[in-house]
C-alpha atoms as a PDB file:
ATOM      1  CA  MET A   1      -0.998  20.238  15.084  1.00  0.00           C
ATOM      2  CA  ALA A   2       2.246  18.498  16.066  1.00  0.00           C
ATOM      3  CA  GLU A   3       5.657  19.990  15.250  1.00  0.00           C
ATOM      4  CA  GLU A   4       6.770  16.780  13.528  1.00  0.00           C
ATOM      5  CA  LEU A   5       5.386  13.855  11.584  1.00  0.00           C
ATOM      6  CA  ARG A   6       6.263  10.614  13.401  1.00  0.00           C
ATOM      7  CA  VAL A   7       6.821   7.969  10.682  1.00  0.00           C
ATOM      8  CA  THR A   8       8.609   5.189  12.600  1.00  0.00           C
ATOM      9  CA  ARG A   9      10.325   4.858  15.968  1.00  0.00           C
ATOM     10  CA  THR A  10      13.535   6.188  14.454  1.00  0.00           C
ATOM     11  CA  LEU A  11      12.167   8.727  11.970  1.00  0.00           C
ATOM     12  CA  ALA A  12      10.353  11.969  12.694  1.00  0.00           C
ATOM     13  CA  ILE A  13      10.042  14.630  10.003  1.00  0.00           C
ATOM     14  CA  PRO A  14       9.773  18.263  11.140  1.00  0.00           C
ATOM     15  CA  MET A  15       6.772  20.141   9.729  1.00  0.00           C
ATOM     16  CA  SER A  16       9.183  22.750   8.327  1.00  0.00           C
ATOM     17  CA  GLU A  17      10.358  20.172   5.741  1.00  0.00           C
ATOM     18  CA  LEU A  18       6.839  19.646   4.372  1.00  0.00           C
ATOM     19  CA  GLU A  19       5.393  21.826   1.632  1.00  0.00           C
ATOM     20  CA  TRP A  20       1.630  22.396   1.613  1.00  0.00           C
ATOM     21  CA  ARG A  21      -0.706  23.323  -1.237  1.00  0.00           C
ATOM     22  CA  PHE A  22      -4.427  23.959  -0.974  1.00  0.00           C
ATOM     23  CA  SER A  23      -7.027  24.129  -3.716  1.00  0.00           C
ATOM     24  CA  ALA A  24     -10.756  23.810  -4.304  1.00  0.00           C
ATOM     25  CA  SER A  25     -11.856  20.268  -3.610  1.00  0.00           C
ATOM     26  CA  GLY A  26     -14.363  19.801  -6.433  1.00  0.00           C
ATOM     27  CA  GLY A  27     -17.293  17.444  -6.470  1.00  0.00           C
ATOM     28  CA  PRO A  28     -20.706  18.129  -4.925  1.00  0.00           C
ATOM     29  CA  GLY A  29     -21.132  20.748  -2.219  1.00  0.00           C
ATOM     30  CA  GLY A  30     -22.465  23.834  -3.937  1.00  0.00           C
ATOM     31  CA  GLN A  31     -20.972  27.212  -3.116  1.00  0.00           C
ATOM     32  CA  HIS A  32     -18.940  25.834  -0.190  1.00  0.00           C
ATOM     33  CA  ALA A  33     -17.016  23.464  -2.476  1.00  0.00           C
ATOM     34  CA  ASN A  34     -16.569  26.158  -5.118  1.00  0.00           C
ATOM     35  CA  ARG A  35     -15.271  28.847  -2.740  1.00  0.00           C
ATOM     36  CA  SER A  36     -13.285  26.924  -0.094  1.00  0.00           C
ATOM     37  CA  GLN A  37      -9.718  25.763  -0.451  1.00  0.00           C
ATOM     38  CA  THR A  38     -10.247  22.441   1.353  1.00  0.00           C
ATOM     39  CA  ARG A  39      -8.212  20.020  -0.802  1.00  0.00           C
ATOM     40  CA  ALA A  40      -4.851  19.505   0.935  1.00  0.00           C
ATOM     41  CA  GLU A  41      -1.674  18.317  -0.754  1.00  0.00           C
ATOM     42  CA  VAL A  42       1.521  17.711   1.203  1.00  0.00           C
ATOM     43  CA  ILE A  43       4.878  17.290  -0.540  1.00  0.00           C
ATOM     44  CA  PHE A  44       8.037  15.879   1.041  1.00  0.00           C
ATOM     45  CA  ASP A  45      11.406  16.355  -0.663  1.00  0.00           C
ATOM     46  CA  VAL A  46      13.209  13.091   0.053  1.00  0.00           C
ATOM     47  CA  ALA A  47      16.383  13.957  -1.849  1.00  0.00           C
ATOM     48  CA  ASN A  48      17.132  17.126   0.165  1.00  0.00           C
ATOM     49  CA  SER A  49      15.770  16.186   3.590  1.00  0.00           C
ATOM     50  CA  PRO A  50      18.275  16.566   6.459  1.00  0.00           C
ATOM     51  CA  SER A  51      16.155  14.415   8.799  1.00  0.00           C
ATOM     52  CA  LEU A  52      16.711  11.199   6.814  1.00  0.00           C
ATOM     53  CA  GLY A  53      19.682   8.924   7.353  1.00  0.00           C
ATOM     54  CA  PRO A  54      21.605   7.672   4.314  1.00  0.00           C
ATOM     55  CA  ARG A  55      20.004   4.200   4.364  1.00  0.00           C
ATOM     56  CA  GLN A  56      16.520   5.619   4.906  1.00  0.00           C
ATOM     57  CA  ARG A  57      17.010   8.096   2.056  1.00  0.00           C
ATOM     58  CA  ALA A  58      18.277   5.388  -0.294  1.00  0.00           C
ATOM     59  CA  ARG A  59      15.378   3.064   0.510  1.00  0.00           C
ATOM     60  CA  ILE A  60      12.714   5.771   0.044  1.00  0.00           C
ATOM     61  CA  LEU A  61      14.339   7.095  -3.150  1.00  0.00           C
ATOM     62  CA  GLU A  62      14.400   3.582  -4.582  1.00  0.00           C
ATOM     63  CA  ARG A  63      10.768   2.845  -3.736  1.00  0.00           C
ATOM     64  CA  LEU A  64       8.993   6.217  -3.989  1.00  0.00           C
ATOM     65  CA  GLY A  65      11.279   8.598  -5.866  1.00  0.00           C
ATOM     66  CA  PRO A  66      12.786  12.001  -5.002  1.00  0.00           C
ATOM     67  CA  THR A  67       9.509  13.599  -3.870  1.00  0.00           C
ATOM     68  CA  VAL A  68       6.547  12.017  -2.120  1.00  0.00           C
ATOM     69  CA  ARG A  69       3.058  13.527  -2.379  1.00  0.00           C
ATOM     70  CA  ALA A  70      -0.145  12.833  -0.508  1.00  0.00           C
ATOM     71  CA  VAL A  71      -3.495  14.399  -1.368  1.00  0.00           C
ATOM     72  CA  ALA A  72      -6.714  14.427   0.648  1.00  0.00           C
ATOM     73  CA  SER A  73      -9.977  15.992  -0.480  1.00  0.00           C
ATOM     74  CA  THR A  74     -12.678  13.771   0.995  1.00  0.00           C
ATOM     75  CA  ARG A  75     -13.665  16.045   3.902  1.00  0.00           C
ATOM     76  CA  ARG A  76     -15.363  19.460   3.907  1.00  0.00           C
ATOM     77  CA  SER A  77     -12.830  20.898   6.322  1.00  0.00           C
ATOM     78  CA  GLN A  78      -9.267  21.863   5.386  1.00  0.00           C
ATOM     79  CA  ALA A  79      -8.021  20.824   8.840  1.00  0.00           C
ATOM     80  CA  LEU A  80      -9.427  17.298   8.453  1.00  0.00           C
ATOM     81  CA  ASN A  81      -7.956  17.014   4.944  1.00  0.00           C
ATOM     82  CA  ARG A  82      -4.591  18.232   6.291  1.00  0.00           C
ATOM     83  CA  SER A  83      -4.496  15.519   8.943  1.00  0.00           C
ATOM     84  CA  ALA A  84      -5.657  12.889   6.423  1.00  0.00           C
ATOM     85  CA  ALA A  85      -2.893  13.921   3.990  1.00  0.00           C
ATOM     86  CA  LEU A  86      -0.302  13.773   6.790  1.00  0.00           C
ATOM     87  CA  GLN A  87      -1.498  10.304   7.787  1.00  0.00           C
ATOM     88  CA  GLN A  88      -1.330   9.177   4.161  1.00  0.00           C
ATOM     89  CA  LEU A  89       2.208  10.548   3.767  1.00  0.00           C
ATOM     90  CA  GLY A  90       3.345   8.858   6.986  1.00  0.00           C
ATOM     91  CA  ASP A  91       1.865   5.527   5.874  1.00  0.00           C
ATOM     92  CA  ARG A  92       3.571   5.715   2.461  1.00  0.00           C
ATOM     93  CA  LEU A  93       6.950   6.548   4.007  1.00  0.00           C
ATOM     94  CA  ALA A  94       6.624   3.828   6.659  1.00  0.00           C
ATOM     95  CA  GLY A  95       5.710   1.307   3.954  1.00  0.00           C
ATOM     96  CA  ALA A  96       8.753   2.286   1.906  1.00  0.00           C
ATOM     97  CA  LEU A  97      11.033   1.923   4.936  1.00  0.00           C
ATOM     98  CA  ALA A  98       9.705  -1.522   5.888  1.00  0.00           C
ATOM     99  CA  VAL A  99      12.286  -4.246   5.385  1.00  0.00           C
ATOM    100  CA  GLU A 100      10.811  -7.416   3.952  1.00  0.00           C
ATOM    101  CA  ARG A 101      12.129 -10.648   5.389  1.00  0.00           C
ATOM    102  CA  PRO A 102      13.587 -12.956   2.762  1.00  0.00           C
ATOM    103  CA  ARG A 103      11.490 -16.028   2.031  1.00  0.00           C
ATOM    104  CA  VAL A 104      12.920 -19.274   3.342  1.00  0.00           C
ATOM    105  CA  ALA A 105      12.177 -22.220   1.073  1.00  0.00           C
ATOM    106  CA  THR A 106      10.581 -25.159   2.880  1.00  0.00           C
ATOM    107  CA  ARG A 107       9.526 -28.612   1.757  1.00  0.00           C
ATOM    108  CA  PRO A 108       5.874 -29.612   1.906  1.00  0.00           C
ATOM    109  CA  SER A 109       5.109 -31.979   4.774  1.00  0.00           C
ATOM    110  CA  LEU A 110       4.452 -35.650   4.091  1.00  0.00           C
ATOM    111  CA  ALA A 111       0.772 -35.191   4.993  1.00  0.00           C
ATOM    112  CA  ALA A 112       0.435 -32.222   2.601  1.00  0.00           C
ATOM    113  CA  ASP A 113       2.038 -34.238  -0.187  1.00  0.00           C
ATOM    114  CA  ARG A 114      -0.325 -37.158   0.527  1.00  0.00           C
ATOM    115  CA  ARG A 115      -3.377 -34.804   0.492  1.00  0.00           C
ATOM    116  CA  ARG A 116      -2.259 -33.369  -2.851  1.00  0.00           C
ATOM    117  CA  LEU A 117      -1.842 -36.809  -4.412  1.00  0.00           C
ATOM    118  CA  ASP A 118      -5.199 -38.016  -3.011  1.00  0.00           C
ATOM    119  CA  ALA A 119      -6.954 -34.964  -4.466  1.00  0.00           C
ATOM    120  CA  LYS A 120      -5.247 -35.610  -7.796  1.00  0.00           C
ATOM    121  CA  ARG A 121      -6.339 -39.239  -7.784  1.00  0.00           C
ATOM    122  CA  ARG A 122      -9.950 -38.319  -6.907  1.00  0.00           C
ATOM    123  CA  GLN A 123     -10.040 -35.733  -9.714  1.00  0.00           C
ATOM    124  CA  GLY A 124      -8.696 -38.337 -12.181  1.00  0.00           C
ATOM    125  CA  GLU A 125     -11.355 -40.837 -11.086  1.00  0.00           C
ATOM    126  CA  ARG A 126     -14.061 -38.188 -11.444  1.00  0.00           C
ATOM    127  CA  LYS A 127     -12.945 -37.403 -15.003  1.00  0.00           C
ATOM    128  CA  ALA A 128     -12.575 -41.091 -15.880  1.00  0.00           C
ATOM    129  CA  ALA A 129     -16.164 -41.689 -14.769  1.00  0.00           C
ATOM    130  CA  ARG A 130     -17.359 -39.082 -17.301  1.00  0.00           C
ATOM    131  CA  ARG A 131     -15.733 -40.828 -20.266  1.00  0.00           C
ATOM    132  CA  ARG A 132     -17.854 -42.737 -22.679  1.00  0.00           C
ATOM    133  CA  LEU A 133     -16.887 -46.408 -22.930  1.00  0.00           C
ATOM    134  CA  PRO A 134     -16.210 -47.888 -26.388  1.00  0.00           C
ATOM    135  CA  PRO A 135     -19.018 -50.239 -27.670  1.00  0.00           C
ATOM    136  CA  ASP A 136     -17.041 -53.464 -27.049  1.00  0.00           C
ATOM    137  CA  GLU A 137     -16.376 -52.582 -23.341  1.00  0.00           C
ATOM    138  CA  ARG A 138     -20.012 -51.733 -22.487  1.00  0.00           C
ATOM    139  CA  SER A 139     -21.811 -54.298 -20.413  1.00  0.00           C
END
């Protein structure tokens, strides 16, 4: 296993900052599932982590809170669940660090406006064709 969890180009978390817990996985599997500690839970303390910069810490605290957990229990092996939990934790942290570009308002094109009005007119004609004509207008 690697010595650090690579989250982004600029952020790598040392394994010493991660806390691990293992428990029985549950579900089907007979004696193996009842006796083996294969469920893996990894906990990262965002508030007290020395590897985070101030902006990174603020962004993660705002989006995920002071501690971030990831749990994996889908595999029979503890090693596979450990790597799945690490991957999950890295994805959550990377998602929290992602900066969303602000939306720039744009006007619809002339062609788009024309298509919208044509569709509106066609729908109105379709509904008008369904109406029942009064007795004096019938031919």
